[in-house]
Amino acid sequence: MSLVVPFDDSALAKAALVRARQFDRVLNEGVRVVSVIPTQNIRYARERGWLGENEPFDGSQIVQSLRASALKLAPDAQFEYFVTRRSASSGTIAKQIRRFARDNDATIVFIGSKNAGRFAHALTVGSSVASGKKYDTMIITQPHLPEIRTLEQLDPSEEISGDQ
């Protein structure tokens, strides 16, 4: 059993990871972080802040940066990543995350998403991952986590930083 967090280093993904870490203090299932990286997709990488304006695509550097960011927030988490084709759709990325959650016996998937709580016509990774039937889903919609006193007493969330 595990707690799974799709991670792209956004403020909401960071908040989702911190919340998963807090839940793990209670559930003791282990946190599994997964990133999906479309290969050589410079636009996708820049939109997520993985590359500077003039930087070339460097998959190894992106992975190292994502891993470092995730493990800074959740040092005991296990970090894994997948490289997918350059033109992977959000549905393809979501399918990889759902498979990862299933293969890792996820009980809860923690998703940081701006749009998960709204009606949207466009398919998003978050809404697609949330459709998994083998696990529960916690949607994190704001980078500043609301206080859950018991969790905060066990594991304070104040160290979230970045692009909030």
Foldseek 3Di string as FASTA:
>chain_A
DEEEQEDLPDLLSLLLLLVRLLVCLVVVHAYEYEYEAAPQQVVVCVVSVLDDPPDGDDPVSSQVVRVVSSCVSPVRHHYDYHYDHNPDDLLNVLVVRLVVCVVSQHAEYEYEDQPCVDDDPDDHSVVSNCPRPRYHYHYRNDSPDDDDPVSCVSPNDPPRDDDD
